[in-house]
């Protein structure tokens, strides 16, 4: 998921395992000239891969930062300027919104609202849940929850070109006006 970020904790183990395997593979002592050539090839390949992956990582990081700033941070800034501090906000992507708005949030991804996890992709149950929680605003990418946003009044949408270049919709803020909770 998103650049394998949930696999990062196992990278050190895989690295050690890979180094041990590589050492075992080339550990036999080939004749002098072959050993010299294999050593140089390994250094060249590792150097090329290092540069390649550094470049690919830099490119991915640059694009990710552009999306985060253009979508999540821009939406959070809009919420700070256009909503009241006591208004409840429902959102799927809570990081920037929680950090910049310092507002109470209903988390549709379950990070801080784990009660949604059993029905995290069931839009009809999420609608019932949101009606009970009674947020004033729903923040999401429209194509993530098409059933939930249908018929809702959009009050803000970002205009980030890179998101559209990726074939995605821009983040939007909707009024949530169908509460059944207290």
C-alpha atoms as a PDB file:
ATOM      1  CA  UNK A   1       0.000   0.000   0.000  1.00  0.00           C
ATOM      2  CA  UNK A   2       1.374   3.362  -1.100  1.00  0.00           C
ATOM      3  CA  UNK A   3       5.022   2.573  -1.828  1.00  0.00           C
ATOM      4  CA  UNK A   4       5.026  -0.457   0.449  1.00  0.00           C
ATOM      5  CA  UNK A   5       5.090   1.724   3.546  1.00  0.00           C
ATOM      6  CA  UNK A   6       3.673  -1.032   5.731  1.00  0.00           C
ATOM      7  CA  UNK A   7       6.554  -3.309   4.716  1.00  0.00           C
ATOM      8  CA  UNK A   8       9.241  -0.854   5.807  1.00  0.00           C
ATOM      9  CA  UNK A   9       9.670  -2.462   9.270  1.00  0.00           C
ATOM     10  CA  UNK A  10      10.835  -5.727   7.653  1.00  0.00           C
ATOM     11  CA  UNK A  11      13.359  -4.066   5.307  1.00  0.00           C
ATOM     12  CA  UNK A  12      16.307  -4.425   7.752  1.00  0.00           C
ATOM     13  CA  UNK A  13      15.622  -8.153   8.139  1.00  0.00           C
ATOM     14  CA  UNK A  14      15.351  -8.620   4.369  1.00  0.00           C
ATOM     15  CA  UNK A  15      18.521  -6.581   3.842  1.00  0.00           C
ATOM     16  CA  UNK A  16      20.524  -8.735   6.269  1.00  0.00           C
ATOM     17  CA  UNK A  17      19.054 -11.882   4.748  1.00  0.00           C
ATOM     18  CA  UNK A  18      19.923 -10.650   1.239  1.00  0.00           C
ATOM     19  CA  UNK A  19      23.476  -9.725   2.231  1.00  0.00           C
ATOM     20  CA  UNK A  20      23.973 -13.129   3.854  1.00  0.00           C
ATOM     21  CA  UNK A  21      22.658 -14.861   0.726  1.00  0.00           C
ATOM     22  CA  UNK A  22      24.851 -12.760  -1.531  1.00  0.00           C
ATOM     23  CA  UNK A  23      27.905 -13.468   0.618  1.00  0.00           C
ATOM     24  CA  UNK A  24      27.153 -17.199   0.481  1.00  0.00           C
ATOM     25  CA  UNK A  25      26.692 -17.019  -3.278  1.00  0.00           C
ATOM     26  CA  UNK A  26      29.999 -15.308  -3.962  1.00  0.00           C
ATOM     27  CA  UNK A  27      31.740 -16.718  -0.906  1.00  0.00           C
ATOM     28  CA  UNK A  28      33.448 -19.482  -2.812  1.00  0.00           C
ATOM     29  CA  UNK A  29      36.852 -18.249  -3.938  1.00  0.00           C
ATOM     30  CA  UNK A  30      36.879 -18.040  -7.719  1.00  0.00           C
ATOM     31  CA  UNK A  31      40.217 -17.614  -9.462  1.00  0.00           C
ATOM     32  CA  UNK A  32      41.863 -14.181  -9.031  1.00  0.00           C
ATOM     33  CA  UNK A  33      40.806 -12.484 -12.260  1.00  0.00           C
ATOM     34  CA  UNK A  34      37.191 -13.780 -12.059  1.00  0.00           C
ATOM     35  CA  UNK A  35      36.972 -12.713  -8.414  1.00  0.00           C
ATOM     36  CA  UNK A  36      38.192  -9.221  -9.368  1.00  0.00           C
ATOM     37  CA  UNK A  37      35.649  -9.009 -12.216  1.00  0.00           C
ATOM     38  CA  UNK A  38      32.713 -10.281 -10.104  1.00  0.00           C
ATOM     39  CA  UNK A  39      33.601  -7.782  -7.380  1.00  0.00           C
ATOM     40  CA  UNK A  40      33.668  -4.876  -9.843  1.00  0.00           C
ATOM     41  CA  UNK A  41      30.391  -5.951 -11.466  1.00  0.00           C
ATOM     42  CA  UNK A  42      28.705  -6.149  -8.052  1.00  0.00           C
ATOM     43  CA  UNK A  43      29.948  -2.677  -7.126  1.00  0.00           C
ATOM     44  CA  UNK A  44      28.774  -1.273 -10.477  1.00  0.00           C
ATOM     45  CA  UNK A  45      25.345  -2.929 -10.258  1.00  0.00           C
ATOM     46  CA  UNK A  46      24.817  -1.824  -6.667  1.00  0.00           C
ATOM     47  CA  UNK A  47      25.946   1.712  -7.538  1.00  0.00           C
ATOM     48  CA  UNK A  48      23.600   1.895 -10.543  1.00  0.00           C
ATOM     49  CA  UNK A  49      20.682   0.511  -8.540  1.00  0.00           C
ATOM     50  CA  UNK A  50      21.376   2.969  -5.731  1.00  0.00           C
ATOM     51  CA  UNK A  51      21.255   5.918  -8.139  1.00  0.00           C
ATOM     52  CA  UNK A  52      18.174   4.533  -9.931  1.00  0.00           C
ATOM     53  CA  UNK A  53      16.210   3.892  -6.741  1.00  0.00           C
ATOM     54  CA  UNK A  54      17.294   7.215  -5.258  1.00  0.00           C
ATOM     55  CA  UNK A  55      15.971   8.963  -8.381  1.00  0.00           C
ATOM     56  CA  UNK A  56      12.710   6.957  -8.385  1.00  0.00           C
ATOM     57  CA  UNK A  57      12.251   7.608  -4.668  1.00  0.00           C
ATOM     58  CA  UNK A  58      12.876  11.319  -5.102  1.00  0.00           C
ATOM     59  CA  UNK A  59      10.337  11.450  -7.930  1.00  0.00           C
ATOM     60  CA  UNK A  60       7.698   9.574  -5.886  1.00  0.00           C
ATOM     61  CA  UNK A  61       8.379  11.727  -2.819  1.00  0.00           C
ATOM     62  CA  UNK A  62       8.082  14.950  -4.837  1.00  0.00           C
ATOM     63  CA  UNK A  63       4.753  13.858  -6.318  1.00  0.00           C
ATOM     64  CA  UNK A  64       3.443  12.667  -2.944  1.00  0.00           C
ATOM     65  CA  UNK A  65       4.302  16.002  -1.318  1.00  0.00           C
ATOM     66  CA  UNK A  66       2.568  17.861  -4.160  1.00  0.00           C
ATOM     67  CA  UNK A  67      -0.585  15.768  -3.702  1.00  0.00           C
ATOM     68  CA  UNK A  68      -0.541  16.087   0.093  1.00  0.00           C
ATOM     69  CA  UNK A  69      -0.063  19.860  -0.025  1.00  0.00           C
ATOM     70  CA  UNK A  70      -2.535  20.383  -2.862  1.00  0.00           C
ATOM     71  CA  UNK A  71      -5.235  18.105  -1.490  1.00  0.00           C
ATOM     72  CA  UNK A  72      -5.005  17.428   2.241  1.00  0.00           C
ATOM     73  CA  UNK A  73      -3.255  20.583   3.468  1.00  0.00           C
ATOM     74  CA  UNK A  74      -5.295  22.862   1.185  1.00  0.00           C
ATOM     75  CA  UNK A  75      -8.508  21.251   2.447  1.00  0.00           C
ATOM     76  CA  UNK A  76      -7.382  21.550   6.068  1.00  0.00           C
ATOM     77  CA  UNK A  77      -6.593  25.234   5.546  1.00  0.00           C
ATOM     78  CA  UNK A  78     -10.032  25.770   3.998  1.00  0.00           C
ATOM     79  CA  UNK A  79     -11.642  24.058   6.992  1.00  0.00           C
ATOM     80  CA  UNK A  80      -9.702  26.289   9.418  1.00  0.00           C
ATOM     81  CA  UNK A  81     -10.891  29.430   7.610  1.00  0.00           C
ATOM     82  CA  UNK A  82     -14.474  28.382   6.881  1.00  0.00           C
ATOM     83  CA  UNK A  83     -15.722  26.210   9.732  1.00  0.00           C
ATOM     84  CA  UNK A  84     -16.348  26.727  13.418  1.00  0.00           C
ATOM     85  CA  UNK A  85     -13.929  25.099  15.884  1.00  0.00           C
ATOM     86  CA  UNK A  86     -16.714  23.046  17.497  1.00  0.00           C
ATOM     87  CA  UNK A  87     -18.058  21.584  14.231  1.00  0.00           C
ATOM     88  CA  UNK A  88     -17.489  17.852  13.828  1.00  0.00           C
ATOM     89  CA  UNK A  89     -15.701  16.782  10.632  1.00  0.00           C
ATOM     90  CA  UNK A  90     -15.861  13.305   9.089  1.00  0.00           C
ATOM     91  CA  UNK A  91     -12.909  12.365   6.890  1.00  0.00           C
ATOM     92  CA  UNK A  92     -11.186   9.337   5.429  1.00  0.00           C
ATOM     93  CA  UNK A  93      -7.721  10.912   5.313  1.00  0.00           C
ATOM     94  CA  UNK A  94      -7.275  12.504   8.741  1.00  0.00           C
ATOM     95  CA  UNK A  95      -3.571  13.399   8.937  1.00  0.00           C
ATOM     96  CA  UNK A  96      -3.375  16.980   7.693  1.00  0.00           C
ATOM     97  CA  UNK A  97      -6.971  17.724   8.658  1.00  0.00           C
ATOM     98  CA  UNK A  98      -6.399  16.647  12.242  1.00  0.00           C
ATOM     99  CA  UNK A  99      -3.035  18.376  12.480  1.00  0.00           C
ATOM    100  CA  UNK A 100      -3.957  21.736  10.981  1.00  0.00           C
ATOM    101  CA  UNK A 101      -7.574  22.080  12.109  1.00  0.00           C
ATOM    102  CA  UNK A 102      -7.190  20.681  15.627  1.00  0.00           C
ATOM    103  CA  UNK A 103     -10.862  19.681  15.323  1.00  0.00           C
ATOM    104  CA  UNK A 104     -12.723  16.634  16.494  1.00  0.00           C
ATOM    105  CA  UNK A 105     -12.804  14.143  13.634  1.00  0.00           C
ATOM    106  CA  UNK A 106     -14.848  11.082  12.748  1.00  0.00           C
ATOM    107  CA  UNK A 107     -12.292   8.883  10.985  1.00  0.00           C
ATOM    108  CA  UNK A 108     -13.720   6.796   8.139  1.00  0.00           C
ATOM    109  CA  UNK A 109     -10.455   4.822   7.832  1.00  0.00           C
ATOM    110  CA  UNK A 110     -10.572   3.554  11.407  1.00  0.00           C
ATOM    111  CA  UNK A 111      -7.264   4.949  12.691  1.00  0.00           C
ATOM    112  CA  UNK A 112      -8.889   6.977  15.482  1.00  0.00           C
ATOM    113  CA  UNK A 113     -12.445   5.640  15.093  1.00  0.00           C
ATOM    114  CA  UNK A 114     -11.859   1.869  15.102  1.00  0.00           C
ATOM    115  CA  UNK A 115     -15.582   1.144  15.367  1.00  0.00           C
ATOM    116  CA  UNK A 116     -15.843   1.707  11.566  1.00  0.00           C
ATOM    117  CA  UNK A 117     -13.377  -1.077  10.708  1.00  0.00           C
ATOM    118  CA  UNK A 118     -15.999  -3.880  10.437  1.00  0.00           C
ATOM    119  CA  UNK A 119     -17.895  -1.924   7.756  1.00  0.00           C
ATOM    120  CA  UNK A 120     -15.121   0.287   6.373  1.00  0.00           C
ATOM    121  CA  UNK A 121     -16.069  -0.285   2.693  1.00  0.00           C
ATOM    122  CA  UNK A 122     -19.842  -0.698   3.172  1.00  0.00           C
ATOM    123  CA  UNK A 123     -21.166   2.691   2.133  1.00  0.00           C
ATOM    124  CA  UNK A 124     -24.719   2.115   3.371  1.00  0.00           C
ATOM    125  CA  UNK A 125     -23.432   1.250   6.853  1.00  0.00           C
ATOM    126  CA  UNK A 126     -21.060   4.225   6.761  1.00  0.00           C
ATOM    127  CA  UNK A 127     -24.021   6.485   5.925  1.00  0.00           C
ATOM    128  CA  UNK A 128     -25.909   5.115   8.954  1.00  0.00           C
ATOM    129  CA  UNK A 129     -22.794   5.598  11.086  1.00  0.00           C
ATOM    130  CA  UNK A 130     -22.325   9.185   9.898  1.00  0.00           C
ATOM    131  CA  UNK A 131     -25.999   9.937  10.504  1.00  0.00           C
ATOM    132  CA  UNK A 132     -25.531   8.768  14.108  1.00  0.00           C
ATOM    133  CA  UNK A 133     -22.222  10.598  14.632  1.00  0.00           C
ATOM    134  CA  UNK A 134     -23.694  13.750  13.073  1.00  0.00           C
ATOM    135  CA  UNK A 135     -20.707  15.540  11.522  1.00  0.00           C
ATOM    136  CA  UNK A 136     -21.289  18.948   9.973  1.00  0.00           C
ATOM    137  CA  UNK A 137     -18.864  18.230   7.116  1.00  0.00           C
ATOM    138  CA  UNK A 138     -17.677  15.191   5.194  1.00  0.00           C
ATOM    139  CA  UNK A 139     -14.219  15.388   3.590  1.00  0.00           C
ATOM    140  CA  UNK A 140     -13.271  12.807   0.990  1.00  0.00           C
ATOM    141  CA  UNK A 141     -12.274  12.167  -2.570  1.00  0.00           C
ATOM    142  CA  UNK A 142     -15.615  11.911  -4.421  1.00  0.00           C
ATOM    143  CA  UNK A 143     -14.711   8.656  -6.172  1.00  0.00           C
ATOM    144  CA  UNK A 144     -13.829   6.937  -2.881  1.00  0.00           C
ATOM    145  CA  UNK A 145     -17.430   7.002  -1.643  1.00  0.00           C
ATOM    146  CA  UNK A 146     -19.723   7.626  -4.635  1.00  0.00           C
ATOM    147  CA  UNK A 147     -22.870   6.452  -2.831  1.00  0.00           C
ATOM    148  CA  UNK A 148     -22.133   8.563   0.241  1.00  0.00           C
ATOM    149  CA  UNK A 149     -21.521  11.812  -1.650  1.00  0.00           C
ATOM    150  CA  UNK A 150     -24.401  11.457  -4.116  1.00  0.00           C
ATOM    151  CA  UNK A 151     -26.894  14.250  -3.501  1.00  0.00           C
ATOM    152  CA  UNK A 152     -24.708  16.001  -0.921  1.00  0.00           C
ATOM    153  CA  UNK A 153     -23.933  19.689  -1.270  1.00  0.00           C
ATOM    154  CA  UNK A 154     -20.265  20.205  -2.126  1.00  0.00           C
ATOM    155  CA  UNK A 155     -19.009  23.380  -0.437  1.00  0.00           C
ATOM    156  CA  UNK A 156     -15.345  23.166  -1.429  1.00  0.00           C
ATOM    157  CA  UNK A 157     -13.120  21.222  -3.788  1.00  0.00           C
ATOM    158  CA  UNK A 158      -9.398  21.552  -4.326  1.00  0.00           C
ATOM    159  CA  UNK A 159      -7.987  22.269  -7.760  1.00  0.00           C
ATOM    160  CA  UNK A 160      -4.753  20.298  -7.786  1.00  0.00           C
ATOM    161  CA  UNK A 161      -3.569  19.491 -11.306  1.00  0.00           C
ATOM    162  CA  UNK A 162      -1.224  16.647 -10.333  1.00  0.00           C
ATOM    163  CA  UNK A 163      -4.116  14.715  -8.782  1.00  0.00           C
ATOM    164  CA  UNK A 164      -6.047  14.939 -12.029  1.00  0.00           C
ATOM    165  CA  UNK A 165      -2.882  13.962 -13.958  1.00  0.00           C
ATOM    166  CA  UNK A 166      -2.946  10.733 -11.934  1.00  0.00           C
ATOM    167  CA  UNK A 167      -6.537  10.203 -13.117  1.00  0.00           C
ATOM    168  CA  UNK A 168      -8.039  10.923  -9.706  1.00  0.00           C
ATOM    169  CA  UNK A 169     -10.624  13.420  -8.503  1.00  0.00           C
ATOM    170  CA  UNK A 170      -9.764  16.344  -6.260  1.00  0.00           C
ATOM    171  CA  UNK A 171     -10.641  16.228  -2.560  1.00  0.00           C
ATOM    172  CA  UNK A 172     -13.988  17.765  -1.652  1.00  0.00           C
ATOM    173  CA  UNK A 173     -15.877  18.985   1.400  1.00  0.00           C
ATOM    174  CA  UNK A 174     -19.599  18.239   1.636  1.00  0.00           C
ATOM    175  CA  UNK A 175     -22.264  19.373   4.065  1.00  0.00           C
ATOM    176  CA  UNK A 176     -23.696  16.473   6.028  1.00  0.00           C
ATOM    177  CA  UNK A 177     -27.337  17.300   6.682  1.00  0.00           C
ATOM    178  CA  UNK A 178     -28.991  13.970   7.452  1.00  0.00           C
ATOM    179  CA  UNK A 179     -28.183  13.432  11.122  1.00  0.00           C
ATOM    180  CA  UNK A 180     -30.257  11.106  13.266  1.00  0.00           C
ATOM    181  CA  UNK A 181     -28.008  11.221  16.364  1.00  0.00           C
ATOM    182  CA  UNK A 182     -28.499  13.424  19.406  1.00  0.00           C
END
